[in-house]
Structure formats: C-alpha cells, structure tokens
Amino acid sequence: MNLLEPLFRWEAIEGLFSDRARIQAMLDFEAALARAEARTGVIPSSAAPAIASKCRAELYDIAALARATELAGNPAIPLVQQLTALVGRDDEQAMRFVHWGATSQDAIDTGFVLQLRGALECIQAELKRLSGMLASLAEKHRSTAAAGRTLLQQALPTTFGLKVAGWLDAIHRHSERISEVRRRALVVQFGGAVGTLAALGNEGIDVARELGEELHLTAPDLSWHAHRDRVVEVAAMLGLLTGSLGKIARDISLQMQTEVAEVFEPFGAGRGSSSTMPHKRNPVTFAVVLAAAARMPGLVSSMLGTMVQEQERGLGGWHAE
C-alpha cells in the first residue's frame, strides 16, 4: 500500500511512531527506571549508568525483535532480554537489575505515552496554526454575503465569515480538549506484575514518583494496566477532532461544486486536475480529510471495545489497541 500511503501520512507523526522510535521510547523507560531505582536505593548506584548506556535503539536488531515478538506476544519481552544481554557484556552485576520490579506492560504503555506526548504536541501546534488562518479568514469575510443552506437547500442570507467562525469555534474546543486530555493521559504506567509493586517492597511509590520526574510525566495514584480509559479518551478526542475537520471538508467541497463555485482549494501544477477533463478543479485535499473522517468511527469503536479487560491484565484487548 505504499502507493497510497502518502495521501494519509504526516511525516512528523510517522517519525514519532516508527519502529525505532517505539523501541527507543521503551528503552527511555528502562533507563529512567534504573535511575529512579538507583536514587531511591533500590538498586546499586553503579547499575543505573551501565543500564542507561545500553538504552539506545541503534544497538538493537529490530527485525530480530519483530520475529521474537511473534513468539513472546509483545515486544517488551525480547527487548528486555536483549538489553539484559548487552548490559551483561560489560557489567554482569548491573545486568541483574535491568527492568527491576517492572513488567512488560509498564515499558510498553509508558513508552507509548512518551510517543503520544510528542504527537499531541504536534497536533496542538497544527491546530494553533489552523486557528490563526481561520481567524484571519473570518475577519476578512465578516461582511461577505453568502447563502445560508439548510437541508442542502438555500435558506436565508449569512456571511462567509460567520461560516468560517463556526469552524474556528469547533477547533478552539478541540484545542481545549487536547489540553484537558493531556493532564489525564500523560502519566507513567508502573505497577509490576499485578499492580502492587511488591518486588520493590516499601519503595514502590517513591520509585514511581522518581520515574515520573525522570520522564516528565505524572505518577498516577495507581497503575492502570487493565483500566484503559486514558488511552481510549485520546482516541475519542481524536475522533471528535477528525469529525470536525470532516465537516469543514464537506462544506468546502460542496461550495466548490461547479454550479456553486463559491470557494476553491488552492490550485497548482498536478493538484486537483483530471486525467481527461482539463476544466476540472477537484478538491483533492478535502477528499483525503473526508476519507479519514469516514475511517475514524470504526477505529474509535474498536478502542471503546478494548476497555472491557479482565482482572489485573487483559487478554487481547491491550493488543487490539
């Protein structure tokens, strides 16, 4: 599907969610965990730099990790095995303290949260840019008369500026939603085998707090291995945002129809042209937005379906996310 992927790619996000970036995010967790445990006296202070020095994605064979993941069920298990082996080559003592007191899901979820933080920052920046453009457009056309349409039929007069202001108002709400969801979603996942941090004795809470400080994430009151509302809230928020972008795309596409011809996408060489009809000016950007909006409900629905997870660790739902 590489032929079609450029239609839906965003290079900044693609880089954040590449295989190498995902491995690095989990390794960032492992390095931060070692430093947090060293500071709290859980592991020897000399072990932390020995472990952290091997937490670099370029040291790992991603293809081998992928093959091992098929057998292990998740990528953290073979990654920790490789990390342990790498540390052990230089420091057999430090090797004993790799991933100390943690579980696979701690590394994977916290790594994902680190990736998600970068993605939400990118999205917020783009929404700020879009808001500025829409605000300028609304101001410019605040008195530009336009036909209001209800049920796809002309109704009473309005202005194009007011129509744009409606789009802008929705984008402002989504910007607020992202700020709100960041507070709840950007948290450490750290609970050990069943969420008790039993392997760390009385130091578990202190390690979790130090881990959060290392990664610039909040340490929640409890681990959330089988409570997926944080992740699903992000998906639902993105679904709402995509729906509003789809509404804008639908409006402009309708206004671009030849019989209406009120607004147009920017036109350039190779953009929006037809293979057989040179007079056509197709809304190609908005076709992609509408395609994304059509796909999003099913994706959000799948995420909602993953919430019913079993006991302290779910089977399948976490993988489906």
Protein backbone atom coordinates (compact mmCIF):
# COMPACT_ATOMS: atom_id res chain seq x y z
CA MET A 1 0.00 0.00 0.00
CA ASN A 2 3.00 2.34 -0.26
CA LEU A 3 1.48 3.87 -3.40
CA LEU A 4 -1.44 5.28 -1.41
CA GLU A 5 0.18 5.92 1.97
CA PRO A 6 1.49 9.41 1.09
CA LEU A 7 -2.13 10.56 0.95
CA PHE A 8 -2.52 9.92 4.66
CA ARG A 9 0.99 10.40 6.01
CA TRP A 10 2.14 13.14 8.32
CA GLU A 11 5.92 12.91 8.45
CA ALA A 12 6.23 14.34 11.98
CA ILE A 13 3.84 11.75 13.39
CA GLU A 14 5.26 8.96 11.25
CA GLY A 15 8.69 9.62 12.76
CA LEU A 16 7.29 9.50 16.29
CA PHE A 17 5.65 6.14 15.68
CA SER A 18 8.29 4.36 13.65
CA ASP A 19 9.58 1.01 14.90
CA ARG A 20 12.83 2.60 16.01
CA ALA A 21 11.01 5.36 17.87
CA ARG A 22 8.82 2.81 19.63
CA ILE A 23 11.87 0.82 20.72
CA GLN A 24 13.60 3.98 21.89
CA ALA A 25 10.58 5.04 23.92
CA MET A 26 10.57 1.71 25.78
CA LEU A 27 14.31 1.99 26.32
CA ASP A 28 13.80 5.51 27.69
CA PHE A 29 11.50 3.92 30.26
CA GLU A 30 14.13 1.32 31.17
CA ALA A 31 16.87 3.95 31.56
CA ALA A 32 14.63 6.20 33.64
CA LEU A 33 13.56 3.25 35.80
CA ALA A 34 17.17 2.35 36.55
CA ARG A 35 17.99 5.95 37.52
CA ALA A 36 14.86 6.20 39.70
CA GLU A 37 15.67 2.96 41.49
CA ALA A 38 19.27 3.98 42.00
CA ARG A 39 18.21 7.30 43.56
CA THR A 40 15.85 5.52 45.94
CA GLY A 41 18.45 2.91 46.89
CA VAL A 42 16.58 0.00 45.34
CA ILE A 43 19.50 -0.91 43.07
CA PRO A 44 23.22 -0.03 43.32
CA SER A 45 24.01 3.46 42.03
CA SER A 46 26.61 2.00 39.66
CA ALA A 47 23.96 -0.09 37.87
CA ALA A 48 21.99 2.87 36.50
CA PRO A 49 24.63 4.29 34.12
CA ALA A 50 25.56 0.79 32.99
CA ILE A 51 21.93 0.10 32.06
CA ALA A 52 21.29 3.55 30.57
CA SER A 53 24.32 3.29 28.30
CA LYS A 54 22.68 0.37 26.50
CA CYS A 55 19.30 2.07 26.13
CA ARG A 56 19.92 3.27 22.59
CA ALA A 57 17.73 1.93 19.81
CA GLU A 58 20.57 1.76 17.29
CA LEU A 59 22.10 -1.07 19.33
CA TYR A 60 19.14 -3.36 18.64
CA ASP A 61 18.15 -5.59 15.75
CA ILE A 62 14.59 -4.51 15.09
CA ALA A 63 13.92 -7.33 12.63
CA ALA A 64 15.01 -9.87 15.25
CA LEU A 65 12.80 -8.17 17.85
CA ALA A 66 9.85 -8.41 15.48
CA ARG A 67 10.41 -12.14 14.95
CA ALA A 68 10.72 -12.71 18.70
CA THR A 69 7.57 -10.68 19.37
CA GLU A 70 5.57 -13.23 17.37
CA LEU A 71 6.52 -15.86 19.95
CA ALA A 72 6.58 -13.70 23.08
CA GLY A 73 3.28 -11.92 22.47
CA ASN A 74 4.69 -8.42 22.95
CA PRO A 75 7.93 -6.61 22.02
CA ALA A 76 8.98 -5.73 25.57
CA ILE A 77 9.93 -9.29 26.49
CA PRO A 78 12.57 -9.78 23.76
CA LEU A 79 13.68 -6.15 24.15
CA VAL A 80 14.41 -6.64 27.85
CA GLN A 81 16.23 -9.86 27.03
CA GLN A 82 18.43 -8.07 24.51
CA LEU A 83 19.01 -5.16 26.91
CA THR A 84 20.00 -7.56 29.69
CA ALA A 85 22.44 -9.34 27.42
CA LEU A 86 24.01 -6.06 26.26
CA VAL A 87 24.43 -4.80 29.82
CA GLY A 88 25.86 -8.15 30.88
CA ARG A 89 28.67 -7.96 28.34
CA ASP A 90 30.16 -5.01 30.21
CA ASP A 91 28.78 -5.35 33.72
CA GLU A 92 27.46 -8.69 35.00
CA GLN A 93 26.45 -7.13 38.32
CA ALA A 94 24.33 -4.40 36.69
CA MET A 95 22.70 -6.99 34.42
CA ARG A 96 20.79 -8.33 37.43
CA PHE A 97 18.93 -5.03 37.86
CA VAL A 98 17.60 -4.49 34.35
CA HIS A 99 13.79 -3.99 34.38
CA TRP A 100 13.85 -4.47 38.16
CA GLY A 101 10.33 -4.73 39.63
CA ALA A 102 8.64 -3.81 36.34
CA THR A 103 6.50 -5.77 33.90
CA SER A 104 6.29 -5.74 30.11
CA GLN A 105 3.20 -3.58 30.03
CA ASP A 106 4.92 -0.94 32.16
CA ALA A 107 7.57 -0.49 29.48
CA ILE A 108 5.16 -0.64 26.54
CA ASP A 109 2.48 1.65 27.98
CA THR A 110 4.90 4.25 29.31
CA GLY A 111 6.81 4.17 26.03
CA PHE A 112 3.55 4.72 24.19
CA VAL A 113 2.68 7.64 26.45
CA LEU A 114 6.04 9.25 25.57
CA GLN A 115 5.21 8.85 21.87
CA LEU A 116 1.72 10.16 22.46
CA ARG A 117 3.08 13.27 24.18
CA GLY A 118 5.06 14.14 21.06
CA ALA A 119 2.05 13.51 18.83
CA LEU A 120 -0.27 15.71 20.89
CA GLU A 121 2.31 18.48 20.83
CA CYS A 122 2.41 18.27 17.02
CA ILE A 123 -1.39 18.28 16.79
CA GLN A 124 -1.73 21.23 19.15
CA ALA A 125 0.79 23.22 17.14
CA GLU A 126 -1.09 22.50 13.90
CA LEU A 127 -4.43 23.42 15.46
CA LYS A 128 -2.94 26.71 16.64
CA ARG A 129 -1.77 27.39 13.08
CA LEU A 130 -5.15 26.40 11.66
CA SER A 131 -6.94 28.61 14.19
CA GLY A 132 -4.86 31.59 13.12
CA MET A 133 -5.66 31.01 9.47
CA LEU A 134 -9.38 30.59 10.14
CA ALA A 135 -9.46 33.69 12.36
CA SER A 136 -7.89 35.76 9.59
CA LEU A 137 -10.30 34.35 7.02
CA ALA A 138 -13.32 35.00 9.27
CA GLU A 139 -12.24 38.58 9.84
CA LYS A 140 -11.57 39.19 6.14
CA HIS A 141 -15.02 37.90 5.14
CA ARG A 142 -17.08 39.04 8.11
CA SER A 143 -19.26 41.07 5.71
CA THR A 144 -19.03 38.83 2.63
CA ALA A 145 -22.60 37.81 1.87
CA ALA A 146 -23.27 34.12 1.33
CA ALA A 147 -26.29 31.93 1.03
CA GLY A 148 -27.12 30.01 4.15
CA ARG A 149 -28.18 26.45 3.43
CA THR A 150 -30.34 24.10 5.45
CA LEU A 151 -31.17 20.55 4.36
CA LEU A 152 -28.88 21.22 1.36
CA GLN A 153 -31.20 23.97 0.10
CA GLN A 154 -30.70 27.73 0.06
CA ALA A 155 -32.27 29.31 3.13
CA LEU A 156 -31.58 32.86 4.38
CA PRO A 157 -28.51 35.03 3.86
CA THR A 158 -25.48 34.76 6.12
CA THR A 159 -21.83 35.70 5.71
CA PHE A 160 -18.90 33.56 4.75
CA GLY A 161 -17.07 34.96 7.76
CA LEU A 162 -19.71 33.57 10.10
CA LYS A 163 -19.44 30.15 8.46
CA VAL A 164 -15.66 30.21 8.99
CA ALA A 165 -16.16 31.40 12.58
CA GLY A 166 -18.22 28.26 13.21
CA TRP A 167 -15.34 26.11 12.03
CA LEU A 168 -12.94 28.11 14.19
CA ASP A 169 -15.13 27.77 17.27
CA ALA A 170 -15.07 23.98 16.93
CA ILE A 171 -11.28 23.95 16.53
CA HIS A 172 -10.94 26.02 19.71
CA ARG A 173 -12.96 23.42 21.60
CA HIS A 174 -10.72 20.65 20.32
CA SER A 175 -7.63 22.58 21.41
CA GLU A 176 -9.13 22.78 24.89
CA ARG A 177 -9.90 19.06 24.81
CA ILE A 178 -6.29 18.23 23.98
CA SER A 179 -5.07 20.29 26.94
CA GLU A 180 -7.54 18.52 29.20
CA VAL A 181 -6.75 15.03 27.94
CA ARG A 182 -3.01 15.62 28.29
CA ARG A 183 -3.43 16.01 32.06
CA ARG A 184 -5.12 12.62 32.33
CA ALA A 185 -3.28 10.65 29.64
CA LEU A 186 0.35 11.68 30.03
CA VAL A 187 1.07 9.53 33.06
CA VAL A 188 3.55 6.80 33.94
CA GLN A 189 2.50 3.18 33.80
CA PHE A 190 4.25 1.36 36.63
CA GLY A 191 2.74 -1.45 38.64
CA GLY A 192 4.86 -4.56 38.28
CA ALA A 193 3.31 -7.96 37.82
CA VAL A 194 -0.20 -7.27 39.15
CA GLY A 195 -0.10 -3.59 40.02
CA THR A 196 1.17 -3.95 43.59
CA LEU A 197 4.87 -3.11 43.02
CA ALA A 198 5.51 -5.88 45.53
CA ALA A 199 9.02 -6.54 44.21
CA LEU A 200 10.07 -3.08 45.39
CA GLY A 201 8.93 -3.51 48.97
CA ASN A 202 8.20 -0.19 50.65
CA GLU A 203 9.96 1.81 47.95
CA GLY A 204 7.45 1.28 45.15
CA ILE A 205 5.64 4.60 45.44
CA ASP A 206 8.90 6.53 45.72
CA VAL A 207 10.29 4.80 42.65
CA ALA A 208 7.11 5.59 40.70
CA ARG A 209 7.38 9.25 41.69
CA GLU A 210 11.05 9.42 40.72
CA LEU A 211 10.28 7.62 37.46
CA GLY A 212 7.67 10.24 36.61
CA GLU A 213 10.12 13.04 37.30
CA GLU A 214 12.74 11.40 35.11
CA LEU A 215 10.33 11.19 32.17
CA HIS A 216 8.49 14.47 32.89
CA LEU A 217 5.26 12.53 33.31
CA THR A 218 2.78 12.45 36.16
CA ALA A 219 2.90 9.48 38.52
CA PRO A 220 -0.75 8.35 38.94
CA ASP A 221 -2.20 7.10 42.19
CA LEU A 222 -2.47 3.56 40.81
CA SER A 223 -1.22 1.58 37.85
CA TRP A 224 -3.76 1.32 35.04
CA HIS A 225 -2.85 -1.93 33.29
CA ALA A 226 -6.47 -3.01 32.74
CA HIS A 227 -8.12 0.41 33.01
CA ARG A 228 -7.79 1.85 29.51
CA ASP A 229 -9.95 4.96 29.75
CA ARG A 230 -6.93 7.25 29.42
CA VAL A 231 -5.85 5.84 26.07
CA VAL A 232 -9.40 5.50 24.79
CA GLU A 233 -10.17 9.10 25.77
CA VAL A 234 -7.34 10.21 23.49
CA ALA A 235 -8.78 8.13 20.66
CA ALA A 236 -12.27 9.54 21.22
CA MET A 237 -10.89 13.08 21.31
CA LEU A 238 -9.08 12.48 18.01
CA GLY A 239 -12.32 11.07 16.61
CA LEU A 240 -14.15 14.26 17.53
CA LEU A 241 -11.42 16.40 16.02
CA THR A 242 -11.40 14.40 12.79
CA GLY A 243 -15.18 14.69 12.59
CA SER A 244 -14.98 18.49 12.80
CA LEU A 245 -12.28 18.57 10.14
CA GLY A 246 -14.54 16.37 8.02
CA LYS A 247 -17.39 18.85 8.50
CA ILE A 248 -15.13 21.66 7.19
CA ALA A 249 -14.06 19.47 4.26
CA ARG A 250 -17.68 18.64 3.42
CA ASP A 251 -18.75 22.29 3.49
CA ILE A 252 -15.94 23.48 1.26
CA SER A 253 -16.33 20.55 -1.14
CA LEU A 254 -19.99 21.44 -1.60
CA GLN A 255 -19.10 25.08 -2.14
CA MET A 256 -16.54 24.03 -4.76
CA GLN A 257 -19.14 22.36 -6.97
CA THR A 258 -19.25 23.87 -10.44
CA GLU A 259 -22.87 25.02 -10.00
CA VAL A 260 -21.98 26.83 -6.76
CA ALA A 261 -18.34 27.91 -7.26
CA GLU A 262 -18.14 29.98 -4.09
CA VAL A 263 -14.74 28.85 -2.80
CA PHE A 264 -11.84 26.75 -4.10
CA GLU A 265 -8.84 24.85 -2.90
CA PRO A 266 -5.53 26.38 -3.97
CA PHE A 267 -4.68 25.21 -7.46
CA GLY A 268 -1.28 24.33 -8.87
CA ALA A 269 0.50 22.07 -11.31
CA GLY A 270 -0.65 18.48 -10.80
CA ARG A 271 -3.02 19.46 -7.97
CA GLY A 272 -6.69 18.70 -8.38
CA SER A 273 -6.53 18.16 -12.10
CA SER A 274 -8.36 15.49 -14.10
CA SER A 275 -6.73 12.91 -16.35
CA THR A 276 -9.28 13.60 -19.12
CA MET A 277 -11.09 16.88 -18.30
CA PRO A 278 -8.80 19.91 -18.17
CA HIS A 279 -11.56 22.21 -16.95
CA LYS A 280 -11.99 20.32 -13.67
CA ARG A 281 -10.69 21.55 -10.31
CA ASN A 282 -11.04 18.67 -7.87
CA PRO A 283 -10.99 19.10 -4.06
CA VAL A 284 -8.18 16.60 -3.54
CA THR A 285 -7.12 17.72 -0.06
CA PHE A 286 -10.66 17.52 1.22
CA ALA A 287 -11.09 14.08 -0.33
CA VAL A 288 -8.32 12.86 1.98
CA VAL A 289 -9.86 14.60 5.01
CA LEU A 290 -13.25 13.07 4.25
CA ALA A 291 -11.66 9.64 3.82
CA ALA A 292 -10.01 9.98 7.23
CA ALA A 293 -13.31 11.08 8.77
CA ALA A 294 -15.03 8.03 7.25
CA ARG A 295 -12.43 5.67 8.74
CA MET A 296 -12.33 7.20 12.19
CA PRO A 297 -15.65 5.99 13.70
CA GLY A 298 -14.67 2.34 13.26
CA LEU A 299 -11.26 2.94 14.80
CA VAL A 300 -12.74 4.72 17.83
CA SER A 301 -15.32 1.95 18.16
CA SER A 302 -12.53 -0.63 18.26
CA MET A 303 -10.81 1.33 21.00
CA LEU A 304 -14.02 1.51 23.03
CA GLY A 305 -14.36 -2.25 22.62
CA THR A 306 -10.93 -2.81 24.17
CA MET A 307 -11.98 -1.29 27.51
CA VAL A 308 -13.62 -4.42 28.91
CA GLN A 309 -10.42 -6.06 30.13
CA GLU A 310 -10.05 -8.94 32.50
CA GLN A 311 -8.94 -8.62 36.12
CA GLU A 312 -5.44 -7.13 36.59
CA ARG A 313 -4.25 -7.64 32.99
CA GLY A 314 -6.38 -8.06 29.91
CA LEU A 315 -6.07 -10.71 27.21
CA GLY A 316 -6.26 -9.41 23.66
CA GLY A 317 -7.82 -6.02 24.35
CA TRP A 318 -4.49 -4.40 25.13
CA HIS A 319 -3.04 -5.88 21.95
CA ALA A 320 -6.00 -4.64 19.91
CA GLU A 321 -5.32 -1.03 20.95
